[in-house]
Amino acid sequence: MQIEAAFDRAYFEARMERNRQLAAQSSDPTIRDLHLEYVRLYEQLMEAPQPA
């Protein structure tokens, strides 16, 4: 997936933060793990090499 604009990066950063918050609030370990998995996914997408 290509991140083509600053808006896209801001979107991923906002989603990562929101999923961190939801994971912290969750009392269900399965739901918490799902939110943390989304955080890991967004981190990987943001770290992917971008074309010049």
PDB file of N, CA and C in Angstrom:
ATOM      1  N   MET A   1       0.844  -1.183   0.000  1.00  0.00           N
ATOM      2  CA  MET A   1       0.000   0.000   0.000  1.00  0.00           C
ATOM      3  C   MET A   1       0.878   1.230   0.000  1.00  0.00           C
ATOM      4  N   GLN A   2       0.523   2.205  -0.801  1.00  0.00           N
ATOM      5  CA  GLN A   2       1.300   3.429  -0.880  1.00  0.00           C
ATOM      6  C   GLN A   2       0.606   4.547  -0.111  1.00  0.00           C
ATOM      7  N   ILE A   3       1.386   5.246   0.703  1.00  0.00           N
ATOM      8  CA  ILE A   3       0.885   6.425   1.397  1.00  0.00           C
ATOM      9  C   ILE A   3       1.305   7.614   0.551  1.00  0.00           C
ATOM     10  N   GLU A   4       0.333   8.306  -0.042  1.00  0.00           N
ATOM     11  CA  GLU A   4       0.653   9.326  -1.022  1.00  0.00           C
ATOM     12  C   GLU A   4       0.544  10.750  -0.514  1.00  0.00           C
ATOM     13  N   ALA A   5      -0.008  10.980   0.659  1.00  0.00           N
ATOM     14  CA  ALA A   5      -0.175  12.348   1.140  1.00  0.00           C
ATOM     15  C   ALA A   5      -0.008  12.386   2.655  1.00  0.00           C
ATOM     16  N   ALA A   6       0.282  13.580   3.159  1.00  0.00           N
ATOM     17  CA  ALA A   6       0.409  13.752   4.606  1.00  0.00           C
ATOM     18  C   ALA A   6      -0.894  13.380   5.304  1.00  0.00           C
ATOM     19  N   PHE A   7      -2.023  13.640   4.641  1.00  0.00           N
ATOM     20  CA  PHE A   7      -3.320  13.276   5.211  1.00  0.00           C
ATOM     21  C   PHE A   7      -3.371  11.780   5.505  1.00  0.00           C
ATOM     22  N   ASP A   8      -2.863  10.972   4.593  1.00  0.00           N
ATOM     23  CA  ASP A   8      -2.881   9.529   4.792  1.00  0.00           C
ATOM     24  C   ASP A   8      -2.070   9.133   6.019  1.00  0.00           C
ATOM     25  N   ARG A   9      -0.898   9.718   6.171  1.00  0.00           N
ATOM     26  CA  ARG A   9      -0.052   9.413   7.328  1.00  0.00           C
ATOM     27  C   ARG A   9      -0.755   9.852   8.615  1.00  0.00           C
ATOM     28  N   ALA A  10      -1.361  11.028   8.591  1.00  0.00           N
ATOM     29  CA  ALA A  10      -2.088  11.519   9.765  1.00  0.00           C
ATOM     30  C   ALA A  10      -3.245  10.576  10.106  1.00  0.00           C
ATOM     31  N   TYR A  11      -3.897  10.057   9.089  1.00  0.00           N
ATOM     32  CA  TYR A  11      -4.994   9.110   9.310  1.00  0.00           C
ATOM     33  C   TYR A  11      -4.480   7.880  10.051  1.00  0.00           C
ATOM     34  N   PHE A  12      -3.373   7.311   9.559  1.00  0.00           N
ATOM     35  CA  PHE A  12      -2.821   6.118  10.202  1.00  0.00           C
ATOM     36  C   PHE A  12      -2.372   6.413  11.623  1.00  0.00           C
ATOM     37  N   GLU A  13      -1.764   7.575  11.846  1.00  0.00           N
ATOM     38  CA  GLU A  13      -1.328   7.937  13.192  1.00  0.00           C
ATOM     39  C   GLU A  13      -2.523   8.067  14.133  1.00  0.00           C
ATOM     40  N   ALA A  14      -3.602   8.670  13.640  1.00  0.00           N
ATOM     41  CA  ALA A  14      -4.806   8.813  14.463  1.00  0.00           C
ATOM     42  C   ALA A  14      -5.423   7.453  14.773  1.00  0.00           C
ATOM     43  N   ARG A  15      -5.459   6.569  13.793  1.00  0.00           N
ATOM     44  CA  ARG A  15      -6.027   5.239  14.009  1.00  0.00           C
ATOM     45  C   ARG A  15      -5.167   4.441  14.988  1.00  0.00           C
ATOM     46  N   MET A  16      -3.848   4.574  14.886  1.00  0.00           N
ATOM     47  CA  MET A  16      -2.970   3.877  15.831  1.00  0.00           C
ATOM     48  C   MET A  16      -3.255   4.337  17.257  1.00  0.00           C
ATOM     49  N   GLU A  17      -3.340   5.649  17.444  1.00  0.00           N
ATOM     50  CA  GLU A  17      -3.587   6.188  18.777  1.00  0.00           C
ATOM     51  C   GLU A  17      -4.950   5.731  19.305  1.00  0.00           C
ATOM     52  N   ARG A  18      -5.951   5.771  18.455  1.00  0.00           N
ATOM     53  CA  ARG A  18      -7.295   5.352  18.874  1.00  0.00           C
ATOM     54  C   ARG A  18      -7.310   3.875  19.279  1.00  0.00           C
ATOM     55  N   ASN A  19      -6.634   3.035  18.517  1.00  0.00           N
ATOM     56  CA  ASN A  19      -6.598   1.613  18.865  1.00  0.00           C
ATOM     57  C   ASN A  19      -5.794   1.364  20.131  1.00  0.00           C
ATOM     58  N   ARG A  20      -4.773   2.158  20.377  1.00  0.00           N
ATOM     59  CA  ARG A  20      -4.046   2.049  21.657  1.00  0.00           C
ATOM     60  C   ARG A  20      -4.971   2.381  22.820  1.00  0.00           C
ATOM     61  N   GLN A  21      -5.760   3.444  22.656  1.00  0.00           N
ATOM     62  CA  GLN A  21      -6.707   3.835  23.706  1.00  0.00           C
ATOM     63  C   GLN A  21      -7.744   2.740  23.930  1.00  0.00           C
ATOM     64  N   LEU A  22      -8.291   2.216  22.853  1.00  0.00           N
ATOM     65  CA  LEU A  22      -9.303   1.168  22.986  1.00  0.00           C
ATOM     66  C   LEU A  22      -8.724  -0.086  23.628  1.00  0.00           C
ATOM     67  N   ALA A  23      -7.490  -0.420  23.301  1.00  0.00           N
ATOM     68  CA  ALA A  23      -6.854  -1.590  23.918  1.00  0.00           C
ATOM     69  C   ALA A  23      -6.696  -1.372  25.419  1.00  0.00           C
ATOM     70  N   ALA A  24      -6.293  -0.161  25.804  1.00  0.00           N
ATOM     71  CA  ALA A  24      -6.110   0.143  27.223  1.00  0.00           C
ATOM     72  C   ALA A  24      -7.435   0.085  27.983  1.00  0.00           C
ATOM     73  N   GLN A  25      -8.525   0.431  27.323  1.00  0.00           N
ATOM     74  CA  GLN A  25      -9.842   0.462  27.971  1.00  0.00           C
ATOM     75  C   GLN A  25     -10.513  -0.906  28.010  1.00  0.00           C
ATOM     76  N   SER A  26     -10.090  -1.815  27.171  1.00  0.00           N
ATOM     77  CA  SER A  26     -10.781  -3.100  27.043  1.00  0.00           C
ATOM     78  C   SER A  26     -10.488  -4.022  28.223  1.00  0.00           C
ATOM     79  N   SER A  27     -11.545  -4.612  28.736  1.00  0.00           N
ATOM     80  CA  SER A  27     -11.370  -5.601  29.810  1.00  0.00           C
ATOM     81  C   SER A  27     -11.297  -7.021  29.247  1.00  0.00           C
ATOM     82  N   ASP A  28     -11.613  -7.166  27.960  1.00  0.00           N
ATOM     83  CA  ASP A  28     -11.591  -8.472  27.298  1.00  0.00           C
ATOM     84  C   ASP A  28     -10.235  -8.636  26.605  1.00  0.00           C
ATOM     85  N   PRO A  29      -9.443  -9.625  27.020  1.00  0.00           N
ATOM     86  CA  PRO A  29      -8.106  -9.793  26.437  1.00  0.00           C
ATOM     87  C   PRO A  29      -8.123 -10.044  24.931  1.00  0.00           C
ATOM     88  N   THR A  30      -9.158 -10.688  24.430  1.00  0.00           N
ATOM     89  CA  THR A  30      -9.243 -10.950  22.990  1.00  0.00           C
ATOM     90  C   THR A  30      -9.430  -9.649  22.226  1.00  0.00           C
ATOM     91  N   ILE A  31     -10.311  -8.799  22.706  1.00  0.00           N
ATOM     92  CA  ILE A  31     -10.565  -7.509  22.068  1.00  0.00           C
ATOM     93  C   ILE A  31      -9.312  -6.636  22.178  1.00  0.00           C
ATOM     94  N   ARG A  32      -8.669  -6.658  23.331  1.00  0.00           N
ATOM     95  CA  ARG A  32      -7.431  -5.882  23.527  1.00  0.00           C
ATOM     96  C   ARG A  32      -6.381  -6.318  22.515  1.00  0.00           C
ATOM     97  N   ASP A  33      -6.223  -7.617  22.326  1.00  0.00           N
ATOM     98  CA  ASP A  33      -5.244  -8.126  21.363  1.00  0.00           C
ATOM     99  C   ASP A  33      -5.578  -7.702  19.935  1.00  0.00           C
ATOM    100  N   LEU A  34      -6.859  -7.667  19.601  1.00  0.00           N
ATOM    101  CA  LEU A  34      -7.254  -7.219  18.259  1.00  0.00           C
ATOM    102  C   LEU A  34      -6.878  -5.751  18.035  1.00  0.00           C
ATOM    103  N   HIS A  35      -7.123  -4.919  19.020  1.00  0.00           N
ATOM    104  CA  HIS A  35      -6.750  -3.509  18.892  1.00  0.00           C
ATOM    105  C   HIS A  35      -5.236  -3.357  18.756  1.00  0.00           C
ATOM    106  N   LEU A  36      -4.495  -4.117  19.526  1.00  0.00           N
ATOM    107  CA  LEU A  36      -3.030  -4.036  19.444  1.00  0.00           C
ATOM    108  C   LEU A  36      -2.524  -4.566  18.105  1.00  0.00           C
ATOM    109  N   GLU A  37      -3.233  -5.526  17.533  1.00  0.00           N
ATOM    110  CA  GLU A  37      -2.855  -6.029  16.209  1.00  0.00           C
ATOM    111  C   GLU A  37      -3.061  -4.944  15.153  1.00  0.00           C
ATOM    112  N   TYR A  38      -4.133  -4.170  15.274  1.00  0.00           N
ATOM    113  CA  TYR A  38      -4.325  -3.037  14.365  1.00  0.00           C
ATOM    114  C   TYR A  38      -3.195  -2.018  14.512  1.00  0.00           C
ATOM    115  N   VAL A  39      -2.766  -1.773  15.745  1.00  0.00           N
ATOM    116  CA  VAL A  39      -1.640  -0.856  15.971  1.00  0.00           C
ATOM    117  C   VAL A  39      -0.410  -1.363  15.227  1.00  0.00           C
ATOM    118  N   ARG A  40      -0.121  -2.647  15.340  1.00  0.00           N
ATOM    119  CA  ARG A  40       1.045  -3.220  14.653  1.00  0.00           C
ATOM    120  C   ARG A  40       0.899  -3.104  13.136  1.00  0.00           C
ATOM    121  N   LEU A  41      -0.305  -3.325  12.634  1.00  0.00           N
ATOM    122  CA  LEU A  41      -0.546  -3.211  11.197  1.00  0.00           C
ATOM    123  C   LEU A  41      -0.285  -1.782  10.711  1.00  0.00           C
ATOM    124  N   TYR A  42      -0.844  -0.800  11.412  1.00  0.00           N
ATOM    125  CA  TYR A  42      -0.634   0.597  11.012  1.00  0.00           C
ATOM    126  C   TYR A  42       0.843   0.968  11.079  1.00  0.00           C
ATOM    127  N   GLU A  43       1.552   0.468  12.091  1.00  0.00           N
ATOM    128  CA  GLU A  43       2.993   0.747  12.183  1.00  0.00           C
ATOM    129  C   GLU A  43       3.729   0.182  10.975  1.00  0.00           C
ATOM    130  N   GLN A  44       3.386  -1.034  10.573  1.00  0.00           N
ATOM    131  CA  GLN A  44       4.035  -1.644   9.412  1.00  0.00           C
ATOM    132  C   GLN A  44       3.730  -0.874   8.140  1.00  0.00           C
ATOM    133  N   LEU A  45       2.494  -0.434   7.981  1.00  0.00           N
ATOM    134  CA  LEU A  45       2.128   0.327   6.786  1.00  0.00           C
ATOM    135  C   LEU A  45       2.897   1.647   6.714  1.00  0.00           C
ATOM    136  N   MET A  46       3.081   2.276   7.855  1.00  0.00           N
ATOM    137  CA  MET A  46       3.788   3.553   7.868  1.00  0.00           C
ATOM    138  C   MET A  46       5.291   3.387   7.655  1.00  0.00           C
ATOM    139  N   GLU A  47       5.825   2.222   8.007  1.00  0.00           N
ATOM    140  CA  GLU A  47       7.257   1.977   7.844  1.00  0.00           C
ATOM    141  C   GLU A  47       7.605   1.460   6.444  1.00  0.00           C
ATOM    142  N   ALA A  48       6.611   1.076   5.681  1.00  0.00           N
ATOM    143  CA  ALA A  48       6.864   0.525   4.339  1.00  0.00           C
ATOM    144  C   ALA A  48       7.580   1.563   3.484  1.00  0.00           C
ATOM    145  N   PRO A  49       8.557   1.122   2.692  1.00  0.00           N
ATOM    146  CA  PRO A  49       9.287   2.070   1.845  1.00  0.00           C
ATOM    147  C   PRO A  49       8.351   2.744   0.850  1.00  0.00           C
ATOM    148  N   GLN A  50       8.562   4.028   0.661  1.00  0.00           N
ATOM    149  CA  GLN A  50       7.746   4.811  -0.245  1.00  0.00           C
ATOM    150  C   GLN A  50       8.527   5.109  -1.526  1.00  0.00           C
ATOM    151  N   PRO A  51       7.864   5.086  -2.668  1.00  0.00           N
ATOM    152  CA  PRO A  51       8.563   5.417  -3.916  1.00  0.00           C
ATOM    153  C   PRO A  51       9.005   6.879  -3.905  1.00  0.00           C
ATOM    154  N   ALA A  52      10.125   7.128  -4.571  1.00  0.00           N
ATOM    155  CA  ALA A  52      10.678   8.495  -4.604  1.00  0.00           C
ATOM    156  C   ALA A  52       9.886   9.403  -5.509  1.00  0.00           C
TER     157      ALA A  52
END
